[in-house]
């Protein structure tokens, strides 16, 4: 849509909003501080809308500027993560800002039964949730098998390793706080369904 088409559609939109609210040009002029003649020319297309005119009109009509001018949608709201593959594990970052709490979807390929865990230690705190498949978590002296719907959380200064012992890929959601931030899960207040 060209600028001319956008501006040309503003007048009829302004008139429709005013009529929908059952407001006269005189009442609108009083509420916005814009003269009746200017409002009339805006609605008829005889005056090109400016930001100085549109801001008070949007405020009085209780709509956004985008709604007032009929701005096109800003585009696709989906997150287009760029996957990274490390040691066969596909990692999709779900957060865009560096530092602080980070979210990832990780896909572990089917495991190799003879692979020995190589536990690592680093600063941080991790929360894992298994979406599908199975995840083996070796955490210090504990050796745990997580299945779909199960979660684990731990301080990453504890020696840890995880891998996929199953015959199909394992999909995991991971929340990681590099400075040791913990995930805070709120419980529903008592009595709520």
N, C-alpha and C. Protein backbone atom coordinates (compact mmCIF):
# COMPACT_ATOMS: atom_id res chain seq x y z
N UNK A 1 0.85 -1.17 0.00
CA UNK A 1 0.00 0.00 0.00
C UNK A 1 0.90 1.24 0.00
N UNK A 2 0.63 2.18 -0.91
CA UNK A 2 1.44 3.40 -0.99
C UNK A 2 1.05 4.39 0.09
N UNK A 3 1.92 5.39 0.32
CA UNK A 3 1.62 6.43 1.32
C UNK A 3 0.32 7.15 0.98
N UNK A 4 0.10 7.41 -0.31
CA UNK A 4 -1.13 8.09 -0.74
C UNK A 4 -2.37 7.29 -0.39
N UNK A 5 -2.29 5.97 -0.56
CA UNK A 5 -3.44 5.12 -0.22
C UNK A 5 -3.67 5.09 1.30
N UNK A 6 -2.57 5.05 2.07
CA UNK A 6 -2.69 5.05 3.53
C UNK A 6 -3.34 6.35 3.99
N UNK A 7 -2.82 7.49 3.50
CA UNK A 7 -3.36 8.79 3.91
C UNK A 7 -4.79 8.97 3.42
N UNK A 8 -5.10 8.45 2.23
CA UNK A 8 -6.46 8.58 1.69
C UNK A 8 -7.49 7.81 2.50
N UNK A 9 -7.06 6.75 3.18
CA UNK A 9 -7.98 5.94 3.97
C UNK A 9 -8.20 6.51 5.37
N UNK A 10 -7.36 7.46 5.79
CA UNK A 10 -7.47 8.01 7.15
C UNK A 10 -8.77 8.80 7.33
N UNK A 11 -9.12 9.63 6.37
CA UNK A 11 -10.33 10.46 6.48
C UNK A 11 -11.58 9.65 6.73
N UNK A 12 -11.89 8.66 5.87
CA UNK A 12 -13.08 7.85 6.12
C UNK A 12 -13.02 7.11 7.46
N UNK A 13 -11.83 6.68 7.86
CA UNK A 13 -11.67 5.99 9.14
C UNK A 13 -11.98 6.95 10.30
N UNK A 14 -11.49 8.20 10.20
CA UNK A 14 -11.77 9.21 11.23
C UNK A 14 -13.27 9.49 11.33
N UNK A 15 -13.91 9.64 10.17
CA UNK A 15 -15.35 9.91 10.15
C UNK A 15 -16.12 8.75 10.78
N UNK A 16 -15.74 7.51 10.43
CA UNK A 16 -16.43 6.33 10.97
C UNK A 16 -16.26 6.23 12.48
N UNK A 17 -15.05 6.51 12.97
CA UNK A 17 -14.82 6.47 14.42
C UNK A 17 -15.67 7.51 15.14
N UNK A 18 -15.69 8.73 14.58
CA UNK A 18 -16.47 9.81 15.21
C UNK A 18 -17.95 9.45 15.22
N UNK A 19 -18.47 8.96 14.12
CA UNK A 19 -19.90 8.62 14.04
C UNK A 19 -20.24 7.43 14.95
N UNK A 20 -19.33 6.47 15.02
CA UNK A 20 -19.54 5.31 15.88
C UNK A 20 -19.66 5.74 17.33
N UNK A 21 -18.89 6.75 17.71
CA UNK A 21 -18.93 7.25 19.08
C UNK A 21 -20.04 8.28 19.27
N UNK A 22 -20.75 8.64 18.19
CA UNK A 22 -21.85 9.61 18.21
C UNK A 22 -21.38 10.96 18.75
N UNK A 23 -20.28 11.43 18.15
CA UNK A 23 -19.68 12.71 18.55
C UNK A 23 -19.76 13.66 17.36
N UNK A 24 -20.12 14.91 17.62
CA UNK A 24 -20.16 15.91 16.54
C UNK A 24 -18.75 16.46 16.31
N UNK A 25 -18.58 17.13 15.16
CA UNK A 25 -17.30 17.77 14.88
C UNK A 25 -16.98 18.81 15.95
N UNK A 26 -17.99 19.54 16.42
CA UNK A 26 -17.78 20.56 17.45
C UNK A 26 -17.30 19.91 18.76
N UNK A 27 -17.90 18.79 19.14
CA UNK A 27 -17.49 18.10 20.37
C UNK A 27 -16.06 17.56 20.24
N UNK A 28 -15.74 17.03 19.06
CA UNK A 28 -14.40 16.50 18.83
C UNK A 28 -13.37 17.63 18.83
N UNK A 29 -13.74 18.78 18.26
CA UNK A 29 -12.84 19.94 18.25
C UNK A 29 -12.55 20.39 19.68
N UNK A 30 -13.57 20.38 20.52
CA UNK A 30 -13.38 20.79 21.91
C UNK A 30 -12.47 19.80 22.65
N UNK A 31 -12.64 18.50 22.38
CA UNK A 31 -11.85 17.48 23.07
C UNK A 31 -10.40 17.43 22.60
N UNK A 32 -10.15 17.78 21.34
CA UNK A 32 -8.79 17.65 20.79
C UNK A 32 -8.05 18.98 20.67
N UNK A 33 -8.78 20.08 20.64
CA UNK A 33 -8.12 21.37 20.41
C UNK A 33 -7.85 21.64 18.94
N UNK A 34 -8.42 20.82 18.07
CA UNK A 34 -8.28 20.98 16.61
C UNK A 34 -9.56 21.65 16.12
N UNK A 35 -9.41 22.64 15.23
CA UNK A 35 -10.59 23.38 14.76
C UNK A 35 -11.56 22.48 13.99
N UNK A 36 -12.83 22.88 14.00
CA UNK A 36 -13.88 22.14 13.28
C UNK A 36 -13.55 22.06 11.80
N UNK A 37 -13.06 23.17 11.21
CA UNK A 37 -12.77 23.17 9.77
C UNK A 37 -11.62 22.21 9.45
N UNK A 38 -10.61 22.14 10.31
CA UNK A 38 -9.50 21.21 10.07
C UNK A 38 -9.98 19.77 10.18
N UNK A 39 -10.81 19.49 11.20
CA UNK A 39 -11.36 18.13 11.35
C UNK A 39 -12.20 17.74 10.14
N UNK A 40 -13.01 18.66 9.66
CA UNK A 40 -13.85 18.40 8.50
C UNK A 40 -13.00 18.09 7.27
N UNK A 41 -11.94 18.88 7.06
CA UNK A 41 -11.06 18.66 5.90
C UNK A 41 -10.29 17.34 6.04
N UNK A 42 -9.91 16.97 7.27
CA UNK A 42 -9.24 15.67 7.48
C UNK A 42 -10.17 14.53 7.09
N UNK A 43 -11.43 14.61 7.53
CA UNK A 43 -12.39 13.55 7.25
C UNK A 43 -12.73 13.46 5.76
N UNK A 44 -12.74 14.59 5.07
CA UNK A 44 -13.10 14.59 3.64
C UNK A 44 -11.90 14.32 2.74
N UNK A 45 -10.70 14.29 3.33
CA UNK A 45 -9.49 14.07 2.53
C UNK A 45 -8.90 15.35 1.99
N UNK A 46 -9.45 16.50 2.35
CA UNK A 46 -8.96 17.79 1.87
C UNK A 46 -7.72 18.26 2.62
N UNK A 47 -7.39 17.60 3.72
CA UNK A 47 -6.19 17.97 4.49
C UNK A 47 -5.41 16.69 4.77
N UNK A 48 -4.12 16.78 4.52
CA UNK A 48 -3.25 15.62 4.77
C UNK A 48 -3.01 15.48 6.28
N UNK A 49 -3.19 14.28 6.84
CA UNK A 49 -3.01 14.10 8.28
C UNK A 49 -1.52 14.21 8.66
N UNK A 50 -1.27 14.84 9.79
CA UNK A 50 0.08 14.94 10.33
C UNK A 50 0.08 14.30 11.72
N UNK A 51 1.25 14.04 12.23
CA UNK A 51 1.36 13.45 13.56
C UNK A 51 0.74 14.35 14.62
N UNK A 52 0.92 15.65 14.47
CA UNK A 52 0.36 16.60 15.44
C UNK A 52 -1.17 16.55 15.48
N UNK A 53 -1.78 16.20 14.35
CA UNK A 53 -3.24 16.08 14.30
C UNK A 53 -3.71 14.68 14.73
N UNK A 54 -2.95 13.67 14.34
CA UNK A 54 -3.37 12.30 14.61
C UNK A 54 -3.23 11.89 16.08
N UNK A 55 -2.20 12.39 16.75
CA UNK A 55 -2.00 12.00 18.15
C UNK A 55 -3.20 12.35 19.04
N UNK A 56 -3.69 13.60 19.03
CA UNK A 56 -4.86 13.88 19.89
C UNK A 56 -6.11 13.13 19.44
N UNK A 57 -6.25 12.88 18.14
CA UNK A 57 -7.42 12.13 17.66
C UNK A 57 -7.35 10.68 18.14
N UNK A 58 -6.18 10.07 18.08
CA UNK A 58 -6.03 8.69 18.56
C UNK A 58 -6.33 8.62 20.06
N UNK A 59 -5.85 9.61 20.81
CA UNK A 59 -6.09 9.64 22.25
C UNK A 59 -7.58 9.75 22.55
N UNK A 60 -8.26 10.67 21.90
CA UNK A 60 -9.69 10.89 22.16
C UNK A 60 -10.52 9.67 21.71
N UNK A 61 -10.16 9.09 20.57
CA UNK A 61 -10.91 7.92 20.07
C UNK A 61 -10.48 6.63 20.76
N UNK A 62 -9.42 6.70 21.58
CA UNK A 62 -8.90 5.55 22.32
C UNK A 62 -8.51 4.40 21.39
N UNK A 63 -7.74 4.75 20.36
CA UNK A 63 -7.18 3.77 19.43
C UNK A 63 -5.69 4.07 19.27
N UNK A 64 -4.95 3.09 18.75
CA UNK A 64 -3.54 3.32 18.49
C UNK A 64 -3.39 4.08 17.18
N UNK A 65 -2.23 4.69 16.97
CA UNK A 65 -1.96 5.35 15.69
C UNK A 65 -2.03 4.36 14.55
N UNK A 66 -1.54 3.14 14.76
CA UNK A 66 -1.61 2.12 13.72
C UNK A 66 -3.05 1.84 13.30
N UNK A 67 -3.95 1.76 14.28
CA UNK A 67 -5.36 1.53 13.97
C UNK A 67 -5.94 2.74 13.23
N UNK A 68 -5.55 3.93 13.65
CA UNK A 68 -6.08 5.15 13.06
C UNK A 68 -5.71 5.29 11.59
N UNK A 69 -4.47 4.93 11.26
CA UNK A 69 -4.02 5.08 9.86
C UNK A 69 -4.14 3.78 9.08
N UNK A 70 -4.53 2.69 9.76
CA UNK A 70 -4.66 1.42 9.05
C UNK A 70 -3.32 0.88 8.61
N UNK A 71 -2.32 1.01 9.50
CA UNK A 71 -0.98 0.54 9.17
C UNK A 71 -0.99 -0.95 8.90
N UNK A 72 -0.18 -1.40 7.96
CA UNK A 72 -0.12 -2.84 7.67
C UNK A 72 0.51 -3.59 8.84
N UNK A 73 0.22 -4.88 8.94
CA UNK A 73 0.83 -5.71 9.98
C UNK A 73 2.34 -5.62 9.85
N UNK A 74 3.01 -5.73 11.00
CA UNK A 74 4.47 -5.59 11.01
C UNK A 74 5.18 -6.83 10.52
N UNK A 75 4.48 -7.89 10.30
CA UNK A 75 5.14 -9.08 9.76
C UNK A 75 4.89 -10.30 10.62
N UNK A 76 5.69 -11.27 10.37
CA UNK A 76 5.60 -12.57 10.99
C UNK A 76 6.04 -12.50 12.45
N UNK A 77 5.16 -12.84 13.41
CA UNK A 77 5.53 -12.73 14.82
C UNK A 77 6.34 -13.92 15.34
N UNK A 78 6.52 -14.94 14.50
CA UNK A 78 7.24 -16.13 14.97
C UNK A 78 8.73 -15.84 15.18
N UNK A 79 9.32 -16.55 16.13
CA UNK A 79 10.75 -16.48 16.37
C UNK A 79 11.42 -17.42 15.38
N UNK A 80 12.34 -16.91 14.61
CA UNK A 80 13.07 -17.73 13.65
C UNK A 80 14.46 -18.02 14.20
N UNK A 81 14.52 -19.06 15.04
CA UNK A 81 15.78 -19.42 15.68
C UNK A 81 16.72 -20.05 14.67
N UNK A 82 17.99 -19.73 14.80
CA UNK A 82 19.01 -20.33 13.95
C UNK A 82 19.67 -21.44 14.75
N UNK A 83 19.44 -22.70 14.34
CA UNK A 83 19.99 -23.82 15.12
C UNK A 83 21.51 -23.89 15.01
N UNK A 84 22.11 -24.39 16.09
CA UNK A 84 23.55 -24.64 16.15
C UNK A 84 23.70 -26.11 16.49
N UNK A 85 24.66 -26.79 15.87
CA UNK A 85 24.90 -28.20 16.18
C UNK A 85 26.25 -28.32 16.88
N UNK A 86 26.22 -28.88 18.10
CA UNK A 86 27.44 -29.10 18.88
C UNK A 86 27.48 -30.55 19.33
N UNK A 87 28.50 -31.26 18.95
CA UNK A 87 28.68 -32.67 19.30
C UNK A 87 27.44 -33.49 18.95
N UNK A 88 26.83 -33.18 17.82
CA UNK A 88 25.65 -33.90 17.36
C UNK A 88 24.34 -33.42 17.94
N UNK A 89 24.37 -32.52 18.93
CA UNK A 89 23.15 -32.01 19.57
C UNK A 89 22.73 -30.73 18.86
N UNK A 90 21.48 -30.67 18.41
CA UNK A 90 20.96 -29.47 17.77
C UNK A 90 20.40 -28.56 18.85
N UNK A 91 20.89 -27.31 18.88
CA UNK A 91 20.48 -26.35 19.90
C UNK A 91 19.79 -25.18 19.22
N UNK A 92 18.55 -24.91 19.62
CA UNK A 92 17.79 -23.78 19.09
C UNK A 92 17.60 -22.76 20.20
N UNK A 93 18.27 -21.59 20.12
CA UNK A 93 18.06 -20.57 21.15
C UNK A 93 16.66 -20.00 21.04
N UNK A 94 15.96 -19.88 22.16
CA UNK A 94 14.60 -19.34 22.18
C UNK A 94 14.55 -17.93 22.75
N UNK A 95 15.66 -17.45 23.30
CA UNK A 95 15.75 -16.08 23.79
C UNK A 95 16.73 -15.34 22.90
N UNK A 96 16.53 -14.05 22.75
CA UNK A 96 17.34 -13.27 21.83
C UNK A 96 18.39 -12.42 22.51
N UNK A 97 18.21 -12.13 23.78
CA UNK A 97 19.15 -11.21 24.42
C UNK A 97 20.25 -12.00 25.13
N UNK A 98 21.48 -11.49 25.07
CA UNK A 98 22.58 -12.17 25.76
C UNK A 98 22.53 -11.93 27.26
N UNK A 99 23.12 -12.83 28.01
CA UNK A 99 23.16 -12.69 29.46
C UNK A 99 21.82 -13.01 30.08
N UNK A 100 21.80 -13.14 31.39
CA UNK A 100 20.55 -13.44 32.08
C UNK A 100 20.04 -14.83 31.75
N UNK A 101 18.81 -15.08 32.10
CA UNK A 101 18.20 -16.37 31.88
C UNK A 101 18.05 -16.64 30.38
N UNK A 102 18.48 -17.82 29.94
CA UNK A 102 18.42 -18.20 28.54
C UNK A 102 17.54 -19.44 28.38
N UNK A 103 16.78 -19.50 27.27
CA UNK A 103 15.94 -20.66 26.98
C UNK A 103 16.41 -21.31 25.69
N UNK A 104 16.42 -22.63 25.67
CA UNK A 104 16.86 -23.39 24.50
C UNK A 104 15.96 -24.59 24.30
N UNK A 105 15.80 -25.00 23.04
CA UNK A 105 15.25 -26.31 22.73
C UNK A 105 16.43 -27.10 22.22
N UNK A 106 16.64 -28.27 22.78
CA UNK A 106 17.77 -29.10 22.38
C UNK A 106 17.26 -30.44 21.88
N UNK A 107 17.84 -30.90 20.78
CA UNK A 107 17.46 -32.19 20.20
C UNK A 107 18.69 -33.08 20.21
N UNK A 108 18.61 -34.15 21.02
CA UNK A 108 19.71 -35.11 21.13
C UNK A 108 19.45 -36.26 20.18
N UNK A 109 20.42 -36.62 19.32
CA UNK A 109 20.21 -37.75 18.41
C UNK A 109 20.17 -39.05 19.22
N UNK A 110 19.67 -40.13 18.61
CA UNK A 110 19.67 -41.42 19.31
C UNK A 110 21.07 -41.72 19.85
N UNK A 111 21.09 -42.30 21.07
CA UNK A 111 22.36 -42.49 21.77
C UNK A 111 23.16 -43.69 21.33
N UNK A 112 24.39 -43.68 21.77
CA UNK A 112 25.31 -44.80 21.57
C UNK A 112 25.48 -45.45 22.94
N UNK A 113 25.02 -46.68 23.11
CA UNK A 113 25.02 -47.31 24.43
C UNK A 113 26.37 -47.35 25.13
N UNK A 114 27.46 -47.42 24.40
CA UNK A 114 28.76 -47.58 25.03
C UNK A 114 29.40 -46.25 25.46
N UNK A 115 28.76 -45.13 25.13
CA UNK A 115 29.35 -43.83 25.44
C UNK A 115 29.40 -43.59 26.95
N UNK A 116 30.58 -43.27 27.46
CA UNK A 116 30.76 -42.99 28.88
C UNK A 116 30.52 -41.51 29.15
N UNK A 117 29.78 -41.19 30.21
CA UNK A 117 29.53 -39.79 30.54
C UNK A 117 30.83 -39.05 30.89
N UNK A 118 30.98 -37.86 30.33
CA UNK A 118 32.11 -36.99 30.63
C UNK A 118 31.53 -35.76 31.35
N UNK A 119 31.48 -35.83 32.68
CA UNK A 119 30.82 -34.78 33.45
C UNK A 119 31.59 -33.47 33.40
N UNK A 120 30.84 -32.37 33.29
CA UNK A 120 31.40 -31.01 33.24
C UNK A 120 30.90 -30.21 34.42
N UNK A 121 31.61 -29.12 34.72
CA UNK A 121 31.24 -28.21 35.79
C UNK A 121 31.40 -26.79 35.25
N UNK A 122 30.44 -25.91 35.54
CA UNK A 122 30.54 -24.50 35.17
C UNK A 122 29.57 -23.70 36.02
N UNK A 123 29.71 -22.38 36.00
CA UNK A 123 28.82 -21.50 36.75
C UNK A 123 27.42 -21.58 36.14
N UNK A 124 26.40 -21.49 36.98
CA UNK A 124 25.04 -21.39 36.48
C UNK A 124 24.08 -22.32 37.19
N UNK A 125 22.85 -22.29 36.68
CA UNK A 125 21.77 -23.12 37.21
C UNK A 125 20.93 -23.54 36.02
N UNK A 126 20.57 -24.81 35.94
CA UNK A 126 19.85 -25.30 34.77
C UNK A 126 18.57 -26.01 35.17
N UNK A 127 17.55 -25.83 34.32
CA UNK A 127 16.26 -26.50 34.46
C UNK A 127 15.98 -27.18 33.14
N UNK A 128 15.70 -28.49 33.16
CA UNK A 128 15.44 -29.26 31.94
C UNK A 128 14.03 -29.84 31.97
N UNK A 129 13.38 -29.89 30.82
CA UNK A 129 12.06 -30.50 30.69
C UNK A 129 12.08 -31.37 29.44
N UNK A 130 11.71 -32.64 29.57
CA UNK A 130 11.74 -33.56 28.44
C UNK A 130 10.41 -33.49 27.69
N UNK A 131 10.50 -33.10 26.42
CA UNK A 131 9.31 -33.03 25.56
C UNK A 131 9.00 -34.40 24.95
N UNK A 132 10.05 -35.07 24.42
CA UNK A 132 9.88 -36.39 23.82
C UNK A 132 11.19 -37.15 23.92
N UNK A 133 11.10 -38.47 23.81
CA UNK A 133 12.29 -39.30 23.93
C UNK A 133 12.68 -39.49 25.38
N UNK A 134 13.95 -39.86 25.59
CA UNK A 134 14.45 -40.07 26.95
C UNK A 134 15.78 -39.34 27.10
N UNK A 135 16.02 -38.84 28.30
CA UNK A 135 17.27 -38.14 28.58
C UNK A 135 17.91 -38.76 29.81
N UNK A 136 19.17 -39.16 29.65
CA UNK A 136 19.93 -39.66 30.79
C UNK A 136 20.69 -38.50 31.39
N UNK A 137 20.48 -38.25 32.69
CA UNK A 137 21.16 -37.19 33.41
C UNK A 137 22.05 -37.83 34.47
N UNK A 138 23.35 -37.59 34.34
CA UNK A 138 24.29 -38.02 35.36
C UNK A 138 24.68 -36.75 36.11
N UNK A 139 24.32 -36.71 37.39
CA UNK A 139 24.52 -35.51 38.21
C UNK A 139 25.27 -35.93 39.47
N UNK A 140 26.58 -35.68 39.48
CA UNK A 140 27.40 -36.14 40.60
C UNK A 140 27.37 -37.65 40.65
N UNK A 141 26.87 -38.20 41.76
CA UNK A 141 26.78 -39.66 41.90
C UNK A 141 25.42 -40.21 41.47
N UNK A 142 24.50 -39.34 41.08
CA UNK A 142 23.16 -39.77 40.66
C UNK A 142 23.13 -40.03 39.16
N UNK A 143 22.43 -41.09 38.77
CA UNK A 143 22.25 -41.44 37.36
C UNK A 143 20.74 -41.61 37.16
N UNK A 144 20.11 -40.64 36.45
CA UNK A 144 18.65 -40.58 36.35
C UNK A 144 18.21 -40.65 34.90
N UNK A 145 17.12 -41.36 34.63
CA UNK A 145 16.54 -41.40 33.30
C UNK A 145 15.26 -40.57 33.33
N UNK A 146 15.20 -39.50 32.52
CA UNK A 146 14.02 -38.64 32.45
C UNK A 146 13.22 -38.99 31.21
N UNK A 147 11.89 -39.05 31.35
CA UNK A 147 11.01 -39.36 30.24
C UNK A 147 10.09 -38.17 29.98
N UNK A 148 9.29 -38.19 28.88
CA UNK A 148 8.44 -37.04 28.55
C UNK A 148 7.59 -36.58 29.73
N UNK A 149 7.61 -35.25 29.95
CA UNK A 149 6.84 -34.65 31.02
C UNK A 149 7.61 -34.51 32.32
N UNK A 150 8.82 -35.07 32.39
CA UNK A 150 9.61 -34.97 33.61
C UNK A 150 10.60 -33.81 33.49
N UNK A 151 10.93 -33.23 34.63
CA UNK A 151 11.85 -32.09 34.68
C UNK A 151 12.91 -32.34 35.74
N UNK A 152 14.02 -31.66 35.59
CA UNK A 152 15.10 -31.70 36.57
C UNK A 152 15.69 -30.31 36.66
N UNK A 153 16.20 -29.95 37.84
CA UNK A 153 16.90 -28.68 37.99
C UNK A 153 18.10 -28.91 38.88
N UNK A 154 19.19 -28.17 38.59
CA UNK A 154 20.41 -28.38 39.36
C UNK A 154 21.37 -27.21 39.18
N UNK A 155 22.25 -27.09 40.16
CA UNK A 155 23.34 -26.12 40.13
C UNK A 155 24.42 -26.71 39.22
N UNK A 156 24.84 -26.00 38.20
CA UNK A 156 25.78 -26.54 37.22
C UNK A 156 27.22 -26.60 37.74
N UNK A 157 27.43 -26.18 39.00
CA UNK A 157 28.75 -26.38 39.62
C UNK A 157 28.87 -27.82 40.11
N UNK A 158 27.74 -28.56 40.12
CA UNK A 158 27.75 -29.99 40.40
C UNK A 158 28.15 -30.69 39.10
N UNK A 159 29.12 -31.63 39.15
CA UNK A 159 29.49 -32.33 37.91
C UNK A 159 28.25 -32.95 37.26
N UNK A 160 28.09 -32.73 35.97
CA UNK A 160 26.89 -33.22 35.28
C UNK A 160 27.18 -33.57 33.82
N UNK A 161 26.30 -34.42 33.30
CA UNK A 161 26.35 -34.83 31.89
C UNK A 161 24.96 -35.29 31.53
N UNK A 162 24.53 -35.03 30.29
CA UNK A 162 23.29 -35.62 29.84
C UNK A 162 23.44 -36.08 28.40
N UNK A 163 22.69 -37.14 28.09
CA UNK A 163 22.71 -37.73 26.76
C UNK A 163 21.45 -38.52 26.52
N UNK A 164 21.32 -39.03 25.31
CA UNK A 164 20.12 -39.75 24.91
C UNK A 164 20.44 -41.24 24.82
N UNK A 165 19.87 -42.06 25.74
CA UNK A 165 20.11 -43.49 25.69
C UNK A 165 19.12 -44.22 24.78
N UNK A 166 18.12 -43.50 24.26
CA UNK A 166 17.03 -44.14 23.52
C UNK A 166 17.30 -44.32 22.04
N UNK A 167 16.40 -45.05 21.38
CA UNK A 167 16.54 -45.32 19.95
C UNK A 167 16.00 -44.19 19.06
N UNK A 168 15.32 -43.20 19.67
CA UNK A 168 14.80 -42.07 18.87
C UNK A 168 15.35 -40.77 19.44
N UNK A 169 15.27 -39.66 18.66
CA UNK A 169 15.76 -38.38 19.17
C UNK A 169 15.04 -37.98 20.46
N UNK A 170 15.73 -37.24 21.31
CA UNK A 170 15.14 -36.71 22.53
C UNK A 170 15.06 -35.20 22.40
N UNK A 171 13.88 -34.62 22.65
CA UNK A 171 13.69 -33.17 22.58
C UNK A 171 13.53 -32.63 23.98
N UNK A 172 14.33 -31.60 24.30
CA UNK A 172 14.41 -31.06 25.64
C UNK A 172 14.22 -29.55 25.60
N UNK A 173 13.52 -28.99 26.59
CA UNK A 173 13.53 -27.55 26.81
C UNK A 173 14.50 -27.30 27.96
N UNK A 174 15.35 -26.30 27.81
CA UNK A 174 16.33 -25.99 28.83
C UNK A 174 16.28 -24.51 29.16
N UNK A 175 16.23 -24.20 30.44
CA UNK A 175 16.37 -22.82 30.92
C UNK A 175 17.67 -22.77 31.69
N UNK A 176 18.53 -21.85 31.32
CA UNK A 176 19.85 -21.78 31.93
C UNK A 176 20.14 -20.37 32.41
N UNK A 177 20.53 -20.26 33.68
CA UNK A 177 20.93 -18.97 34.25
C UNK A 177 22.43 -18.99 34.46
N UNK A 178 23.19 -18.21 33.68
CA UNK A 178 24.65 -18.27 33.76
C UNK A 178 25.22 -17.81 35.09
N UNK A 179 24.53 -16.97 35.84
CA UNK A 179 25.02 -16.52 37.13
C UNK A 179 24.34 -17.28 38.27
N UNK A 180 23.71 -18.38 37.95
CA UNK A 180 23.06 -19.17 38.99
C UNK A 180 21.62 -18.79 39.26
N UNK A 181 20.99 -18.01 38.36
CA UNK A 181 19.58 -17.66 38.56
C UNK A 181 18.75 -18.93 38.52
N UNK A 182 17.84 -19.05 39.44
CA UNK A 182 16.95 -20.21 39.47
C UNK A 182 15.65 -19.85 38.79
N UNK A 183 14.99 -20.87 38.26
CA UNK A 183 13.68 -20.71 37.66
C UNK A 183 12.67 -20.62 38.80
N UNK A 184 11.77 -19.65 38.74
CA UNK A 184 10.74 -19.50 39.77
C UNK A 184 9.41 -19.91 39.17
N UNK A 185 8.83 -20.96 39.70
CA UNK A 185 7.54 -21.46 39.23
C UNK A 185 6.50 -21.07 40.26
N UNK A 186 5.47 -20.39 39.82
CA UNK A 186 4.41 -19.97 40.73
C UNK A 186 3.33 -21.03 40.78
N UNK A 187 2.89 -21.34 41.97
CA UNK A 187 1.80 -22.27 42.15
C UNK A 187 0.49 -21.49 42.06
N UNK A 188 -0.55 -22.17 41.63
CA UNK A 188 -1.86 -21.55 41.59
C UNK A 188 -2.35 -21.28 43.01
N UNK A 189 -2.98 -20.14 43.26
CA UNK A 189 -3.53 -19.90 44.60
C UNK A 189 -4.54 -20.97 44.95
N UNK A 190 -4.62 -21.31 46.22
CA UNK A 190 -5.54 -22.33 46.71
C UNK A 190 -6.97 -22.00 46.27
N UNK A 191 -7.67 -23.02 45.76
CA UNK A 191 -9.06 -22.83 45.36
C UNK A 191 -9.25 -22.51 43.89
N UNK A 192 -8.15 -22.19 43.17
CA UNK A 192 -8.28 -21.93 41.73
C UNK A 192 -8.27 -23.25 40.98
N UNK A 193 -9.07 -23.34 39.94
CA UNK A 193 -9.11 -24.57 39.15
C UNK A 193 -8.06 -24.55 38.08
